[in-house]
Amino acid sequence: MSTEQPQDPRNRPAQQQYPPPQQQYPQGQFAPYPQYQPQPDTSGKAVASMVIGIASLVIPFIGIVTGPLAIVLATRARHEIERTRQKGDGMAITGLVTGIIGCIGYVIFLVLLIIGAATGA
């Protein structure tokens, strides 16, 4: 058995009151909107490097040309983004990675093609 006595519901502590609003506006009026702050533009080089890098993976036999182009655009875009505080660093990294993968993939393809042609298989 418990030694605690049941509490009378009428003796509960007072409920917590919410803090009053900081500023009251007359009926039918709302708080003013904050000033519009234009966002920095997305780097066009970053977008181009991402598109070209993805194209180097998807479209057959152009990765040997578009892969290095995506790598060059991505590195220039990252430097530009760092300098001007634009958006698009993730797209530049995507272009860099897909460009590298496209180059490596097609180099491996060419090496296998040369080995196959040399062995006559």
PDB file of N, CA and C in Angstrom:
ATOM      1  N   MET A   1       0.817  -1.189   0.000  1.00  0.00           N
ATOM      2  CA  MET A   1       0.000   0.000   0.000  1.00  0.00           C
ATOM      3  C   MET A   1       0.853   1.242   0.000  1.00  0.00           C
ATOM      4  N   SER A   2       0.365   2.222  -0.647  1.00  0.00           N
ATOM      5  CA  SER A   2       1.094   3.465  -0.755  1.00  0.00           C
ATOM      6  C   SER A   2       0.752   4.365   0.421  1.00  0.00           C
ATOM      7  N   THR A   3       1.753   5.114   0.871  1.00  0.00           N
ATOM      8  CA  THR A   3       1.524   6.028   1.994  1.00  0.00           C
ATOM      9  C   THR A   3       1.085   7.401   1.515  1.00  0.00           C
ATOM     10  N   GLU A   4       1.069   7.633   0.213  1.00  0.00           N
ATOM     11  CA  GLU A   4       0.673   8.943  -0.315  1.00  0.00           C
ATOM     12  C   GLU A   4      -0.841   9.068  -0.294  1.00  0.00           C
ATOM     13  N   GLN A   5      -1.300  10.230   0.044  1.00  0.00           N
ATOM     14  CA  GLN A   5      -2.718  10.515   0.057  1.00  0.00           C
ATOM     15  C   GLN A   5      -3.137  11.014  -1.323  1.00  0.00           C
ATOM     16  N   PRO A   6      -4.304  10.646  -1.817  1.00  0.00           N
ATOM     17  CA  PRO A   6      -4.757  11.182  -3.101  1.00  0.00           C
ATOM     18  C   PRO A   6      -4.936  12.693  -3.006  1.00  0.00           C
ATOM     19  N   GLN A   7      -4.555  13.367  -4.088  1.00  0.00           N
ATOM     20  CA  GLN A   7      -4.637  14.837  -4.069  1.00  0.00           C
ATOM     21  C   GLN A   7      -6.011  15.289  -4.512  1.00  0.00           C
ATOM     22  N   ASP A   8      -6.417  16.375  -3.906  1.00  0.00           N
ATOM     23  CA  ASP A   8      -7.706  16.960  -4.253  1.00  0.00           C
ATOM     24  C   ASP A   8      -7.553  17.701  -5.580  1.00  0.00           C
ATOM     25  N   PRO A   9      -8.367  17.404  -6.602  1.00  0.00           N
ATOM     26  CA  PRO A   9      -8.210  18.071  -7.893  1.00  0.00           C
ATOM     27  C   PRO A   9      -8.425  19.570  -7.825  1.00  0.00           C
ATOM     28  N   ARG A  10      -9.064  20.071  -6.801  1.00  0.00           N
ATOM     29  CA  ARG A  10      -9.276  21.519  -6.674  1.00  0.00           C
ATOM     30  C   ARG A  10      -8.033  22.236  -6.197  1.00  0.00           C
ATOM     31  N   ASN A  11      -7.063  21.499  -5.660  1.00  0.00           N
ATOM     32  CA  ASN A  11      -5.848  22.119  -5.136  1.00  0.00           C
ATOM     33  C   ASN A  11      -4.679  22.007  -6.108  1.00  0.00           C
ATOM     34  N   ARG A  12      -4.954  21.883  -7.380  1.00  0.00           N
ATOM     35  CA  ARG A  12      -3.885  21.802  -8.369  1.00  0.00           C
ATOM     36  C   ARG A  12      -3.191  23.158  -8.482  1.00  0.00           C
ATOM     37  N   PRO A  13      -1.871  23.129  -8.867  1.00  0.00           N
ATOM     38  CA  PRO A  13      -1.186  24.406  -9.066  1.00  0.00           C
ATOM     39  C   PRO A  13      -1.770  25.133 -10.279  1.00  0.00           C
ATOM     40  N   ALA A  14      -1.661  26.433 -10.267  1.00  0.00           N
ATOM     41  CA  ALA A  14      -2.194  27.258 -11.366  1.00  0.00           C
ATOM     42  C   ALA A  14      -1.473  26.904 -12.663  1.00  0.00           C
ATOM     43  N   GLN A  15      -2.213  26.882 -13.768  1.00  0.00           N
ATOM     44  CA  GLN A  15      -1.615  26.552 -15.050  1.00  0.00           C
ATOM     45  C   GLN A  15      -0.706  27.690 -15.495  1.00  0.00           C
ATOM     46  N   GLN A  16       0.312  27.283 -16.255  1.00  0.00           N
ATOM     47  CA  GLN A  16       1.305  28.250 -16.722  1.00  0.00           C
ATOM     48  C   GLN A  16       0.660  29.184 -17.746  1.00  0.00           C
ATOM     49  N   GLN A  17       0.899  30.453 -17.564  1.00  0.00           N
ATOM     50  CA  GLN A  17       0.382  31.464 -18.489  1.00  0.00           C
ATOM     51  C   GLN A  17       1.399  31.693 -19.589  1.00  0.00           C
ATOM     52  N   TYR A  18       0.923  31.859 -20.804  1.00  0.00           N
ATOM     53  CA  TYR A  18       1.812  32.153 -21.915  1.00  0.00           C
ATOM     54  C   TYR A  18       2.304  33.584 -21.798  1.00  0.00           C
ATOM     55  N   PRO A  19       3.539  33.847 -22.251  1.00  0.00           N
ATOM     56  CA  PRO A  19       4.023  35.230 -22.174  1.00  0.00           C
ATOM     57  C   PRO A  19       3.205  36.111 -23.122  1.00  0.00           C
ATOM     58  N   PRO A  20       3.016  37.351 -22.748  1.00  0.00           N
ATOM     59  CA  PRO A  20       2.233  38.240 -23.611  1.00  0.00           C
ATOM     60  C   PRO A  20       2.987  38.503 -24.921  1.00  0.00           C
ATOM     61  N   PRO A  21       2.261  38.750 -26.011  1.00  0.00           N
ATOM     62  CA  PRO A  21       2.941  39.053 -27.271  1.00  0.00           C
ATOM     63  C   PRO A  21       3.769  40.327 -27.127  1.00  0.00           C
ATOM     64  N   GLN A  22       4.845  40.377 -27.914  1.00  0.00           N
ATOM     65  CA  GLN A  22       5.755  41.511 -27.779  1.00  0.00           C
ATOM     66  C   GLN A  22       5.153  42.807 -28.295  1.00  0.00           C
ATOM     67  N   GLN A  23       4.344  42.720 -29.338  1.00  0.00           N
ATOM     68  CA  GLN A  23       3.767  43.937 -29.889  1.00  0.00           C
ATOM     69  C   GLN A  23       2.346  43.621 -30.327  1.00  0.00           C
ATOM     70  N   GLN A  24       1.427  44.475 -29.948  1.00  0.00           N
ATOM     71  CA  GLN A  24       0.041  44.300 -30.320  1.00  0.00           C
ATOM     72  C   GLN A  24      -0.260  45.139 -31.550  1.00  0.00           C
ATOM     73  N   TYR A  25      -1.031  44.565 -32.483  1.00  0.00           N
ATOM     74  CA  TYR A  25      -1.447  45.298 -33.668  1.00  0.00           C
ATOM     75  C   TYR A  25      -2.961  45.469 -33.603  1.00  0.00           C
ATOM     76  N   PRO A  26      -3.458  46.578 -34.099  1.00  0.00           N
ATOM     77  CA  PRO A  26      -4.910  46.786 -34.073  1.00  0.00           C
ATOM     78  C   PRO A  26      -5.638  45.695 -34.852  1.00  0.00           C
ATOM     79  N   GLN A  27      -6.917  45.561 -34.542  1.00  0.00           N
ATOM     80  CA  GLN A  27      -7.730  44.534 -35.183  1.00  0.00           C
ATOM     81  C   GLN A  27      -7.671  44.664 -36.707  1.00  0.00           C
ATOM     82  N   GLY A  28      -7.381  43.566 -37.393  1.00  0.00           N
ATOM     83  CA  GLY A  28      -7.366  43.552 -38.845  1.00  0.00           C
ATOM     84  C   GLY A  28      -6.031  43.925 -39.461  1.00  0.00           C
ATOM     85  N   GLN A  29      -5.039  44.251 -38.643  1.00  0.00           N
ATOM     86  CA  GLN A  29      -3.726  44.578 -39.178  1.00  0.00           C
ATOM     87  C   GLN A  29      -2.745  43.491 -38.758  1.00  0.00           C
ATOM     88  N   PHE A  30      -1.767  43.286 -39.626  1.00  0.00           N
ATOM     89  CA  PHE A  30      -0.783  42.243 -39.380  1.00  0.00           C
ATOM     90  C   PHE A  30       0.598  42.854 -39.280  1.00  0.00           C
ATOM     91  N   ALA A  31       1.508  42.050 -38.793  1.00  0.00           N
ATOM     92  CA  ALA A  31       2.897  42.501 -38.705  1.00  0.00           C
ATOM     93  C   ALA A  31       3.431  42.731 -40.118  1.00  0.00           C
ATOM     94  N   PRO A  32       4.259  43.735 -40.320  1.00  0.00           N
ATOM     95  CA  PRO A  32       4.796  43.990 -41.659  1.00  0.00           C
ATOM     96  C   PRO A  32       5.736  42.864 -42.082  1.00  0.00           C
ATOM     97  N   TYR A  33       5.798  42.620 -43.388  1.00  0.00           N
ATOM     98  CA  TYR A  33       6.702  41.607 -43.918  1.00  0.00           C
ATOM     99  C   TYR A  33       8.137  42.096 -43.808  1.00  0.00           C
ATOM    100  N   PRO A  34       9.078  41.176 -43.611  1.00  0.00           N
ATOM    101  CA  PRO A  34      10.483  41.596 -43.583  1.00  0.00           C
ATOM    102  C   PRO A  34      10.933  42.038 -44.979  1.00  0.00           C
ATOM    103  N   GLN A  35      11.958  42.846 -45.022  1.00  0.00           N
ATOM    104  CA  GLN A  35      12.483  43.327 -46.297  1.00  0.00           C
ATOM    105  C   GLN A  35      12.973  42.167 -47.141  1.00  0.00           C
ATOM    106  N   TYR A  36      12.749  42.252 -48.437  1.00  0.00           N
ATOM    107  CA  TYR A  36      13.194  41.221 -49.368  1.00  0.00           C
ATOM    108  C   TYR A  36      14.692  41.331 -49.561  1.00  0.00           C
ATOM    109  N   GLN A  37      15.378  40.215 -49.363  1.00  0.00           N
ATOM    110  CA  GLN A  37      16.816  40.165 -49.584  1.00  0.00           C
ATOM    111  C   GLN A  37      17.077  39.297 -50.807  1.00  0.00           C
ATOM    112  N   PRO A  38      17.545  39.860 -51.896  1.00  0.00           N
ATOM    113  CA  PRO A  38      17.795  39.020 -53.075  1.00  0.00           C
ATOM    114  C   PRO A  38      18.883  38.001 -52.790  1.00  0.00           C
ATOM    115  N   GLN A  39      18.650  36.793 -53.276  1.00  0.00           N
ATOM    116  CA  GLN A  39      19.604  35.715 -53.080  1.00  0.00           C
ATOM    117  C   GLN A  39      20.684  35.795 -54.150  1.00  0.00           C
ATOM    118  N   PRO A  40      21.902  35.389 -53.827  1.00  0.00           N
ATOM    119  CA  PRO A  40      22.943  35.399 -54.855  1.00  0.00           C
ATOM    120  C   PRO A  40      22.602  34.398 -55.947  1.00  0.00           C
ATOM    121  N   ASP A  41      22.973  34.739 -57.158  1.00  0.00           N
ATOM    122  CA  ASP A  41      22.677  33.887 -58.305  1.00  0.00           C
ATOM    123  C   ASP A  41      23.471  32.596 -58.247  1.00  0.00           C
ATOM    124  N   THR A  42      22.947  31.600 -58.934  1.00  0.00           N
ATOM    125  CA  THR A  42      23.654  30.336 -59.078  1.00  0.00           C
ATOM    126  C   THR A  42      24.674  30.479 -60.197  1.00  0.00           C
ATOM    127  N   SER A  43      25.834  29.946 -59.991  1.00  0.00           N
ATOM    128  CA  SER A  43      26.899  30.035 -60.985  1.00  0.00           C
ATOM    129  C   SER A  43      26.515  29.252 -62.235  1.00  0.00           C
ATOM    130  N   GLY A  44      26.585  29.907 -63.374  1.00  0.00           N
ATOM    131  CA  GLY A  44      26.281  29.256 -64.634  1.00  0.00           C
ATOM    132  C   GLY A  44      27.303  28.193 -64.987  1.00  0.00           C
ATOM    133  N   LYS A  45      28.548  28.420 -64.583  1.00  0.00           N
ATOM    134  CA  LYS A  45      29.584  27.421 -64.847  1.00  0.00           C
ATOM    135  C   LYS A  45      29.316  26.143 -64.064  1.00  0.00           C
ATOM    136  N   ALA A  46      28.775  26.288 -62.858  1.00  0.00           N
ATOM    137  CA  ALA A  46      28.463  25.107 -62.049  1.00  0.00           C
ATOM    138  C   ALA A  46      27.348  24.295 -62.696  1.00  0.00           C
ATOM    139  N   VAL A  47      26.323  24.983 -63.182  1.00  0.00           N
ATOM    140  CA  VAL A  47      25.222  24.291 -63.850  1.00  0.00           C
ATOM    141  C   VAL A  47      25.728  23.592 -65.108  1.00  0.00           C
ATOM    142  N   ALA A  48      26.537  24.305 -65.899  1.00  0.00           N
ATOM    143  CA  ALA A  48      27.063  23.723 -67.139  1.00  0.00           C
ATOM    144  C   ALA A  48      27.949  22.518 -66.852  1.00  0.00           C
ATOM    145  N   SER A  49      28.779  22.597 -65.822  1.00  0.00           N
ATOM    146  CA  SER A  49      29.661  21.460 -65.510  1.00  0.00           C
ATOM    147  C   SER A  49      28.858  20.251 -65.077  1.00  0.00           C
ATOM    148  N   MET A  50      27.764  20.479 -64.325  1.00  0.00           N
ATOM    149  CA  MET A  50      26.941  19.357 -63.898  1.00  0.00           C
ATOM    150  C   MET A  50      26.248  18.704 -65.104  1.00  0.00           C
ATOM    151  N   VAL A  51      25.690  19.520 -65.982  1.00  0.00           N
ATOM    152  CA  VAL A  51      24.982  18.979 -67.145  1.00  0.00           C
ATOM    153  C   VAL A  51      25.952  18.227 -68.062  1.00  0.00           C
ATOM    154  N   ILE A  52      27.104  18.817 -68.317  1.00  0.00           N
ATOM    155  CA  ILE A  52      28.080  18.177 -69.201  1.00  0.00           C
ATOM    156  C   ILE A  52      28.659  16.914 -68.551  1.00  0.00           C
ATOM    157  N   GLY A  53      28.873  16.955 -67.231  1.00  0.00           N
ATOM    158  CA  GLY A  53      29.373  15.765 -66.537  1.00  0.00           C
ATOM    159  C   GLY A  53      28.391  14.618 -66.584  1.00  0.00           C
ATOM    160  N   ILE A  54      27.112  14.911 -66.382  1.00  0.00           N
ATOM    161  CA  ILE A  54      26.097  13.861 -66.467  1.00  0.00           C
ATOM    162  C   ILE A  54      26.002  13.349 -67.901  1.00  0.00           C
ATOM    163  N   ALA A  55      26.107  14.258 -68.877  1.00  0.00           N
ATOM    164  CA  ALA A  55      26.072  13.835 -70.287  1.00  0.00           C
ATOM    165  C   ALA A  55      27.251  12.924 -70.613  1.00  0.00           C
ATOM    166  N   SER A  56      28.400  13.149 -69.981  1.00  0.00           N
ATOM    167  CA  SER A  56      29.557  12.285 -70.249  1.00  0.00           C
ATOM    168  C   SER A  56      29.333  10.869 -69.749  1.00  0.00           C
ATOM    169  N   LEU A  57      28.453  10.700 -68.775  1.00  0.00           N
ATOM    170  CA  LEU A  57      28.133   9.354 -68.280  1.00  0.00           C
ATOM    171  C   LEU A  57      27.022   8.697 -69.092  1.00  0.00           C
ATOM    172  N   VAL A  58      26.073   9.498 -69.547  1.00  0.00           N
ATOM    173  CA  VAL A  58      24.864   8.947 -70.143  1.00  0.00           C
ATOM    174  C   VAL A  58      24.993   8.726 -71.651  1.00  0.00           C
ATOM    175  N   ILE A  59      25.563   9.678 -72.359  1.00  0.00           N
ATOM    176  CA  ILE A  59      25.631   9.597 -73.814  1.00  0.00           C
ATOM    177  C   ILE A  59      26.902   8.839 -74.200  1.00  0.00           C
ATOM    178  N   PRO A  60      26.762   7.746 -74.952  1.00  0.00           N
ATOM    179  CA  PRO A  60      27.936   6.929 -75.286  1.00  0.00           C
ATOM    180  C   PRO A  60      28.942   7.667 -76.170  1.00  0.00           C
ATOM    181  N   PHE A  61      30.194   7.408 -75.910  1.00  0.00           N
ATOM    182  CA  PHE A  61      31.336   7.814 -76.730  1.00  0.00           C
ATOM    183  C   PHE A  61      31.614   9.318 -76.755  1.00  0.00           C
ATOM    184  N   ILE A  62      30.983  10.116 -75.907  1.00  0.00           N
ATOM    185  CA  ILE A  62      31.375  11.525 -75.862  1.00  0.00           C
ATOM    186  C   ILE A  62      32.057  11.869 -74.545  1.00  0.00           C
ATOM    187  N   GLY A  63      32.155  10.891 -73.651  1.00  0.00           N
ATOM    188  CA  GLY A  63      32.756  11.129 -72.345  1.00  0.00           C
ATOM    189  C   GLY A  63      34.220  11.496 -72.417  1.00  0.00           C
ATOM    190  N   ILE A  64      34.888  11.056 -73.455  1.00  0.00           N
ATOM    191  CA  ILE A  64      36.316  11.356 -73.598  1.00  0.00           C
ATOM    192  C   ILE A  64      36.520  12.841 -73.888  1.00  0.00           C
ATOM    193  N   VAL A  65      35.495  13.493 -74.450  1.00  0.00           N
ATOM    194  CA  VAL A  65      35.582  14.929 -74.749  1.00  0.00           C
ATOM    195  C   VAL A  65      34.900  15.750 -73.652  1.00  0.00           C
ATOM    196  N   THR A  66      33.695  15.326 -73.245  1.00  0.00           N
ATOM    197  CA  THR A  66      32.934  16.126 -72.289  1.00  0.00           C
ATOM    198  C   THR A  66      33.406  15.940 -70.848  1.00  0.00           C
ATOM    199  N   GLY A  67      34.041  14.822 -70.534  1.00  0.00           N
ATOM    200  CA  GLY A  67      34.549  14.607 -69.175  1.00  0.00           C
ATOM    201  C   GLY A  67      35.573  15.659 -68.763  1.00  0.00           C
ATOM    202  N   PRO A  68      36.644  15.863 -69.574  1.00  0.00           N
ATOM    203  CA  PRO A  68      37.606  16.914 -69.209  1.00  0.00           C
ATOM    204  C   PRO A  68      36.996  18.315 -69.218  1.00  0.00           C
ATOM    205  N   LEU A  69      36.040  18.550 -70.123  1.00  0.00           N
ATOM    206  CA  LEU A  69      35.375  19.851 -70.158  1.00  0.00           C
ATOM    207  C   LEU A  69      34.597  20.095 -68.860  1.00  0.00           C
ATOM    208  N   ALA A  70      33.920  19.061 -68.367  1.00  0.00           N
ATOM    209  CA  ALA A  70      33.187  19.177 -67.107  1.00  0.00           C
ATOM    210  C   ALA A  70      34.135  19.416 -65.931  1.00  0.00           C
ATOM    211  N   ILE A  71      35.290  18.775 -65.961  1.00  0.00           N
ATOM    212  CA  ILE A  71      36.270  18.961 -64.882  1.00  0.00           C
ATOM    213  C   ILE A  71      36.787  20.402 -64.873  1.00  0.00           C
ATOM    214  N   VAL A  72      37.127  20.924 -66.049  1.00  0.00           N
ATOM    215  CA  VAL A  72      37.638  22.298 -66.141  1.00  0.00           C
ATOM    216  C   VAL A  72      36.571  23.293 -65.705  1.00  0.00           C
ATOM    217  N   LEU A  73      35.337  23.132 -66.183  1.00  0.00           N
ATOM    218  CA  LEU A  73      34.260  24.048 -65.789  1.00  0.00           C
ATOM    219  C   LEU A  73      33.980  23.980 -64.293  1.00  0.00           C
ATOM    220  N   ALA A  74      34.026  22.783 -63.736  1.00  0.00           N
ATOM    221  CA  ALA A  74      33.735  22.626 -62.306  1.00  0.00           C
ATOM    222  C   ALA A  74      34.797  23.297 -61.444  1.00  0.00           C
ATOM    223  N   THR A  75      36.062  23.142 -61.800  1.00  0.00           N
ATOM    224  CA  THR A  75      37.104  23.774 -60.982  1.00  0.00           C
ATOM    225  C   THR A  75      37.032  25.297 -61.093  1.00  0.00           C
ATOM    226  N   ARG A  76      36.765  25.805 -62.288  1.00  0.00           N
ATOM    227  CA  ARG A  76      36.604  27.258 -62.436  1.00  0.00           C
ATOM    228  C   ARG A  76      35.376  27.757 -61.693  1.00  0.00           C
ATOM    229  N   ALA A  77      34.301  26.987 -61.732  1.00  0.00           N
ATOM    230  CA  ALA A  77      33.080  27.380 -61.022  1.00  0.00           C
ATOM    231  C   ALA A  77      33.308  27.405 -59.517  1.00  0.00           C
ATOM    232  N   ARG A  78      34.018  26.437 -58.987  1.00  0.00           N
ATOM    233  CA  ARG A  78      34.269  26.418 -57.538  1.00  0.00           C
ATOM    234  C   ARG A  78      35.104  27.610 -57.100  1.00  0.00           C
ATOM    235  N   HIS A  79      36.097  28.004 -57.914  1.00  0.00           N
ATOM    236  CA  HIS A  79      36.888  29.187 -57.579  1.00  0.00           C
ATOM    237  C   HIS A  79      36.030  30.449 -57.654  1.00  0.00           C
ATOM    238  N   GLU A  80      35.177  30.527 -58.655  1.00  0.00           N
ATOM    239  CA  GLU A  80      34.296  31.686 -58.804  1.00  0.00           C
ATOM    240  C   GLU A  80      33.295  31.764 -57.656  1.00  0.00           C
ATOM    241  N   ILE A  81      32.748  30.624 -57.250  1.00  0.00           N
ATOM    242  CA  ILE A  81      31.791  30.588 -56.147  1.00  0.00           C
ATOM    243  C   ILE A  81      32.461  31.007 -54.848  1.00  0.00           C
ATOM    244  N   GLU A  82      33.666  30.564 -54.652  1.00  0.00           N
ATOM    245  CA  GLU A  82      34.418  30.926 -53.446  1.00  0.00           C
ATOM    246  C   GLU A  82      34.686  32.429 -53.403  1.00  0.00           C
ATOM    247  N   ARG A  83      34.969  33.006 -54.564  1.00  0.00           N
ATOM    248  CA  ARG A  83      35.319  34.418 -54.637  1.00  0.00           C
ATOM    249  C   ARG A  83      34.088  35.318 -54.541  1.00  0.00           C
ATOM    250  N   THR A  84      32.990  34.956 -55.205  1.00  0.00           N
ATOM    251  CA  THR A  84      31.832  35.842 -55.293  1.00  0.00           C
ATOM    252  C   THR A  84      30.682  35.448 -54.378  1.00  0.00           C
ATOM    253  N   ARG A  85      30.792  34.345 -53.659  1.00  0.00           N
ATOM    254  CA  ARG A  85      29.754  33.857 -52.740  1.00  0.00           C
ATOM    255  C   ARG A  85      28.442  33.553 -53.462  1.00  0.00           C
ATOM    256  N   GLN A  86      28.555  33.013 -54.669  1.00  0.00           N
ATOM    257  CA  GLN A  86      27.357  32.590 -55.390  1.00  0.00           C
ATOM    258  C   GLN A  86      26.923  31.225 -54.887  1.00  0.00           C
ATOM    259  N   LYS A  87      25.769  30.799 -55.358  1.00  0.00           N
ATOM    260  CA  LYS A  87      25.291  29.455 -55.049  1.00  0.00           C
ATOM    261  C   LYS A  87      25.782  28.492 -56.119  1.00  0.00           C
ATOM    262  N   GLY A  88      25.667  27.194 -55.850  1.00  0.00           N
ATOM    263  CA  GLY A  88      25.968  26.191 -56.858  1.00  0.00           C
ATOM    264  C   GLY A  88      27.193  25.356 -56.588  1.00  0.00           C
ATOM    265  N   ASP A  89      27.718  25.383 -55.366  1.00  0.00           N
ATOM    266  CA  ASP A  89      28.913  24.593 -55.082  1.00  0.00           C
ATOM    267  C   ASP A  89      28.623  23.104 -55.202  1.00  0.00           C
ATOM    268  N   GLY A  90      27.434  22.673 -54.791  1.00  0.00           N
ATOM    269  CA  GLY A  90      27.071  21.264 -54.914  1.00  0.00           C
ATOM    270  C   GLY A  90      26.989  20.824 -56.363  1.00  0.00           C
ATOM    271  N   MET A  91      26.474  21.707 -57.221  1.00  0.00           N
ATOM    272  CA  MET A  91      26.411  21.374 -58.646  1.00  0.00           C
ATOM    273  C   MET A  91      27.810  21.306 -59.250  1.00  0.00           C
ATOM    274  N   ALA A  92      28.700  22.178 -58.797  1.00  0.00           N
ATOM    275  CA  ALA A  92      30.072  22.140 -59.298  1.00  0.00           C
ATOM    276  C   ALA A  92      30.766  20.846 -58.876  1.00  0.00           C
ATOM    277  N   ILE A  93      30.537  20.428 -57.641  1.00  0.00           N
ATOM    278  CA  ILE A  93      31.125  19.162 -57.173  1.00  0.00           C
ATOM    279  C   ILE A  93      30.543  17.991 -57.952  1.00  0.00           C
ATOM    280  N   THR A  94      29.236  18.034 -58.227  1.00  0.00           N
ATOM    281  CA  THR A  94      28.611  16.982 -59.022  1.00  0.00           C
ATOM    282  C   THR A  94      29.221  16.925 -60.413  1.00  0.00           C
ATOM    283  N   GLY A  95      29.436  18.087 -61.033  1.00  0.00           N
ATOM    284  CA  GLY A  95      30.059  18.126 -62.352  1.00  0.00           C
ATOM    285  C   GLY A  95      31.481  17.595 -62.322  1.00  0.00           C
ATOM    286  N   LEU A  96      32.206  17.925 -61.259  1.00  0.00           N
ATOM    287  CA  LEU A  96      33.584  17.443 -61.122  1.00  0.00           C
ATOM    288  C   LEU A  96      33.625  15.919 -60.996  1.00  0.00           C
ATOM    289  N   VAL A  97      32.793  15.377 -60.132  1.00  0.00           N
ATOM    290  CA  VAL A  97      32.790  13.931 -59.898  1.00  0.00           C
ATOM    291  C   VAL A  97      32.324  13.173 -61.144  1.00  0.00           C
ATOM    292  N   THR A  98      31.230  13.629 -61.759  1.00  0.00           N
ATOM    293  CA  THR A  98      30.745  12.923 -62.946  1.00  0.00           C
ATOM    294  C   THR A  98      31.720  13.060 -64.112  1.00  0.00           C
ATOM    295  N   GLY A  99      32.408  14.204 -64.209  1.00  0.00           N
ATOM    296  CA  GLY A  99      33.418  14.360 -65.252  1.00  0.00           C
ATOM    297  C   GLY A  99      34.583  13.407 -65.048  1.00  0.00           C
ATOM    298  N   ILE A 100      35.021  13.254 -63.818  1.00  0.00           N
ATOM    299  CA  ILE A 100      36.119  12.324 -63.515  1.00  0.00           C
ATOM    300  C   ILE A 100      35.697  10.887 -63.796  1.00  0.00           C
ATOM    301  N   ILE A 101      34.485  10.538 -63.360  1.00  0.00           N
ATOM    302  CA  ILE A 101      34.002   9.178 -63.603  1.00  0.00           C
ATOM    303  C   ILE A 101      33.857   8.919 -65.101  1.00  0.00           C
ATOM    304  N   GLY A 102      33.356   9.910 -65.838  1.00  0.00           N
ATOM    305  CA  GLY A 102      33.224   9.751 -67.283  1.00  0.00           C
ATOM    306  C   GLY A 102      34.564   9.554 -67.961  1.00  0.00           C
ATOM    307  N   CYS A 103      35.578  10.330 -67.550  1.00  0.00           N
ATOM    308  CA  CYS A 103      36.921  10.181 -68.130  1.00  0.00           C
ATOM    309  C   CYS A 103      37.505   8.804 -67.823  1.00  0.00           C
ATOM    310  N   ILE A 104      37.447   8.414 -66.567  1.00  0.00           N
ATOM    311  CA  ILE A 104      38.016   7.126 -66.166  1.00  0.00           C
ATOM    312  C   ILE A 104      37.289   5.977 -66.856  1.00  0.00           C
ATOM    313  N   GLY A 105      35.978   6.067 -66.941  1.00  0.00           N
ATOM    314  CA  GLY A 105      35.206   5.012 -67.581  1.00  0.00           C
ATOM    315  C   GLY A 105      35.566   4.837 -69.043  1.00  0.00           C
ATOM    316  N   TYR A 106      35.715   5.935 -69.745  1.00  0.00           N
ATOM    317  CA  TYR A 106      36.026   5.816 -71.166  1.00  0.00           C
ATOM    318  C   TYR A 106      37.491   5.490 -71.421  1.00  0.00           C
ATOM    319  N   VAL A 107      38.369   5.858 -70.525  1.00  0.00           N
ATOM    320  CA  VAL A 107      39.766   5.430 -70.653  1.00  0.00           C
ATOM    321  C   VAL A 107      39.845   3.917 -70.462  1.00  0.00           C
ATOM    322  N   ILE A 108      39.141   3.394 -69.469  1.00  0.00           N
ATOM    323  CA  ILE A 108      39.113   1.941 -69.271  1.00  0.00           C
ATOM    324  C   ILE A 108      38.520   1.250 -70.492  1.00  0.00           C
ATOM    325  N   PHE A 109      37.453   1.824 -71.057  1.00  0.00           N
ATOM    326  CA  PHE A 109      36.832   1.266 -72.252  1.00  0.00           C
ATOM    327  C   PHE A 109      37.823   1.241 -73.418  1.00  0.00           C
ATOM    328  N   LEU A 110      38.568   2.327 -73.610  1.00  0.00           N
ATOM    329  CA  LEU A 110      39.544   2.374 -74.704  1.00  0.00           C
ATOM    330  C   LEU A 110      40.679   1.389 -74.495  1.00  0.00           C
ATOM    331  N   VAL A 111      41.153   1.243 -73.252  1.00  0.00           N
ATOM    332  CA  VAL A 111      42.223   0.291 -72.954  1.00  0.00           C
ATOM    333  C   VAL A 111      41.753  -1.129 -73.245  1.00  0.00           C
ATOM    334  N   LEU A 112      40.542  -1.464 -72.827  1.00  0.00           N
ATOM    335  CA  LEU A 112      39.996  -2.796 -73.103  1.00  0.00           C
ATOM    336  C   LEU A 112      39.804  -3.007 -74.600  1.00  0.00           C
ATOM    337  N   LEU A 113      39.398  -1.968 -75.309  1.00  0.00           N
ATOM    338  CA  LEU A 113      39.231  -2.059 -76.764  1.00  0.00           C
ATOM    339  C   LEU A 113      40.571  -2.311 -77.456  1.00  0.00           C
ATOM    340  N   ILE A 114      41.602  -1.617 -77.008  1.00  0.00           N
ATOM    341  CA  ILE A 114      42.944  -1.800 -77.589  1.00  0.00           C
ATOM    342  C   ILE A 114      43.480  -3.193 -77.265  1.00  0.00           C
ATOM    343  N   ILE A 115      43.303  -3.654 -76.036  1.00  0.00           N
ATOM    344  CA  ILE A 115      43.766  -4.986 -75.657  1.00  0.00           C
ATOM    345  C   ILE A 115      43.016  -6.040 -76.445  1.00  0.00           C
ATOM    346  N   GLY A 116      41.719  -5.848 -76.630  1.00  0.00           N
ATOM    347  CA  GLY A 116      40.943  -6.804 -77.413  1.00  0.00           C
ATOM    348  C   GLY A 116      41.360  -6.836 -78.865  1.00  0.00           C
ATOM    349  N   ALA A 117      41.665  -5.663 -79.430  1.00  0.00           N
ATOM    350  CA  ALA A 117      42.097  -5.616 -80.833  1.00  0.00           C
ATOM    351  C   ALA A 117      43.480  -6.224 -80.994  1.00  0.00           C
ATOM    352  N   ALA A 118      44.349  -6.051 -79.995  1.00  0.00           N
ATOM    353  CA  ALA A 118      45.709  -6.563 -80.086  1.00  0.00           C
ATOM    354  C   ALA A 118      45.744  -8.086 -79.957  1.00  0.00           C
ATOM    355  N   THR A 119      44.883  -8.629 -79.149  1.00  0.00           N
ATOM    356  CA  THR A 119      44.883 -10.089 -78.961  1.00  0.00           C
ATOM    357  C   THR A 119      44.040 -10.798 -80.004  1.00  0.00           C
ATOM    358  N   GLY A 120      43.273 -10.060 -80.746  1.00  0.00           N
ATOM    359  CA  GLY A 120      42.453 -10.653 -81.804  1.00  0.00           C
ATOM    360  C   GLY A 120      41.236 -11.363 -81.293  1.00  0.00           C
ATOM    361  N   ALA A 121      40.812 -11.075 -80.109  1.00  0.00           N
ATOM    362  CA  ALA A 121      39.642 -11.750 -79.538  1.00  0.00           C
ATOM    363  C   ALA A 121      38.360 -11.152 -80.024  1.00  0.00           C
TER     364      ALA A 121
END
